[in-house]
Amino acid sequence: MRQRIAVVDDNGDNRLLLSAVLRSLYDIDEYADGPTALAAMQETAPDLILLDISMPIMDGPAVLKRIREDASLKGLPVVALTAHAMSGDKERFLGLGFDGYISKPIIDWDALTSLLGDLMG
């Protein structure tokens, strides 16, 4: 059985690109906002979540907080997917409880797939 990744990003082009690159390796679920993703993950939990930081309705840190408070989801690895790529941003997001950090636009796809493999075993 293939592993499942949830891509949570309000930008449809970002979701499309990630899905196109990763779907040969993983099953991909795409969500345009945090509340929709949280509700859907109650039914079908992924093995890993790629979570955009800057989204309307509920931003990435707020979604992560809800994931960590949910007994059925709290152990899932969550990777911050963000255009916030200034000095100290990676450490800040890891400090919030994200398991990994990838800056957008994604340039090094090998680094992304390596990170995903490391986090999902």
Protein backbone atom coordinates (compact mmCIF):
# COMPACT_ATOMS: atom_id res chain seq x y z
CA MET A 1 0.00 0.00 0.00
CA ARG A 2 1.35 3.41 -0.98
CA GLN A 3 1.90 6.12 1.57
CA ARG A 4 -0.41 9.13 1.53
CA ILE A 5 0.57 12.80 1.67
CA ALA A 6 -1.83 15.64 2.37
CA VAL A 7 -0.93 18.88 0.59
CA VAL A 8 -2.60 21.84 2.30
CA ASP A 9 -2.06 25.06 0.35
CA ASP A 10 -4.47 27.80 -0.70
CA ASN A 11 -2.63 28.22 -4.02
CA GLY A 12 -3.99 25.79 -6.61
CA ASP A 13 -0.85 26.01 -8.74
CA ASN A 14 1.30 24.95 -5.79
CA ARG A 15 -0.98 21.99 -5.07
CA LEU A 16 -0.97 21.00 -8.74
CA LEU A 17 2.83 21.16 -8.99
CA LEU A 18 3.40 19.15 -5.80
CA SER A 19 0.85 16.57 -6.88
CA ALA A 20 2.40 16.26 -10.34
CA VAL A 21 5.88 15.71 -8.93
CA LEU A 22 4.95 13.43 -6.03
CA ARG A 23 2.06 11.32 -7.33
CA SER A 24 4.37 8.74 -8.90
CA LEU A 25 5.65 7.96 -5.39
CA TYR A 26 2.70 8.71 -3.09
CA ASP A 27 -1.07 9.00 -3.00
CA ILE A 28 -1.84 12.72 -2.76
CA ASP A 29 -4.78 14.44 -1.10
CA GLU A 30 -5.10 18.16 -1.86
CA TYR A 31 -6.80 20.74 0.35
CA ALA A 32 -7.21 24.48 -0.23
CA ASP A 33 -7.63 25.43 3.44
CA GLY A 34 -6.97 24.23 6.95
CA PRO A 35 -10.53 23.56 8.16
CA THR A 36 -11.31 21.41 5.11
CA ALA A 37 -8.06 19.49 5.56
CA LEU A 38 -8.64 18.90 9.26
CA ALA A 39 -12.16 17.57 8.64
CA ALA A 40 -11.06 15.30 5.79
CA MET A 41 -8.07 13.93 7.71
CA GLN A 42 -10.48 12.64 10.36
CA GLU A 43 -11.81 10.27 7.68
CA THR A 44 -8.57 9.50 5.83
CA ALA A 45 -5.42 10.26 7.76
CA PRO A 46 -2.29 10.83 5.68
CA ASP A 47 1.18 9.56 6.52
CA LEU A 48 2.61 13.09 6.23
CA ILE A 49 1.29 16.64 5.78
CA LEU A 50 2.83 19.38 3.63
CA LEU A 51 1.34 22.50 5.20
CA ASP A 52 1.48 26.02 3.78
CA ILE A 53 2.19 28.66 6.41
CA SER A 54 0.31 31.66 4.97
CA MET A 55 -3.31 30.79 4.25
CA PRO A 56 -6.57 32.67 4.79
CA ILE A 57 -9.18 31.35 7.26
CA MET A 58 -6.60 29.41 9.33
CA ASP A 59 -2.84 29.77 8.89
CA GLY A 60 -0.36 26.90 9.02
CA PRO A 61 0.66 27.32 12.68
CA ALA A 62 -3.03 27.30 13.72
CA VAL A 63 -3.64 24.13 11.68
CA LEU A 64 -0.54 22.53 13.22
CA LYS A 65 -1.81 23.40 16.71
CA ARG A 66 -5.11 21.64 15.97
CA ILE A 67 -3.26 18.62 14.55
CA ARG A 68 -1.08 18.34 17.67
CA GLU A 69 -4.19 18.57 19.90
CA ASP A 70 -6.01 15.78 18.01
CA ALA A 71 -5.28 12.31 19.39
CA SER A 72 -5.70 10.65 15.98
CA LEU A 73 -3.43 13.11 14.12
CA LYS A 74 -0.88 14.38 16.65
CA GLY A 75 1.85 11.91 15.72
CA LEU A 76 1.83 12.75 12.01
CA PRO A 77 4.92 14.43 10.58
CA VAL A 78 4.08 17.93 9.36
CA VAL A 79 6.37 19.87 7.02
CA ALA A 80 6.14 23.67 6.83
CA LEU A 81 5.81 24.67 3.18
CA THR A 82 6.43 28.37 2.93
CA ALA A 83 7.74 31.37 1.06
CA HIS A 84 9.04 32.64 4.42
CA ALA A 85 12.70 31.97 3.77
CA MET A 86 14.50 34.67 5.70
CA SER A 87 17.28 33.97 8.15
CA GLY A 88 15.80 32.32 11.24
CA ASP A 89 12.49 31.30 9.63
CA LYS A 90 13.37 27.60 9.44
CA GLU A 91 14.33 27.53 13.12
CA ARG A 92 11.19 29.46 14.08
CA PHE A 93 8.88 27.00 12.31
CA LEU A 94 10.72 23.96 13.65
CA GLY A 95 10.39 25.57 17.08
CA LEU A 96 6.62 25.73 16.63
CA GLY A 97 6.57 21.94 16.27
CA PHE A 98 6.87 21.37 12.54
CA ASP A 99 8.93 18.28 11.70
CA GLY A 100 10.51 19.74 8.59
CA TYR A 101 10.75 22.91 6.52
CA ILE A 102 10.73 23.46 2.76
CA SER A 103 10.87 26.94 1.22
CA LYS A 104 8.88 27.92 -1.85
CA PRO A 105 9.43 28.01 -4.68
CA ILE A 106 10.77 24.49 -4.40
CA ILE A 107 14.03 24.33 -6.31
CA ASP A 108 15.61 21.13 -4.99
CA TRP A 109 13.06 18.37 -5.55
CA ASP A 110 15.58 15.72 -4.51
CA ALA A 111 15.91 17.40 -1.10
CA LEU A 112 12.11 17.37 -0.75
CA THR A 113 11.75 13.68 -1.62
CA SER A 114 14.68 12.84 0.68
CA LEU A 115 13.03 14.74 3.56
CA LEU A 116 9.72 12.97 2.93
CA GLY A 117 11.44 9.59 2.91
CA ASP A 118 13.26 10.37 6.15
CA LEU A 119 10.09 11.50 7.92
CA MET A 120 7.93 8.59 6.74
CA GLY A 121 10.54 5.86 7.14
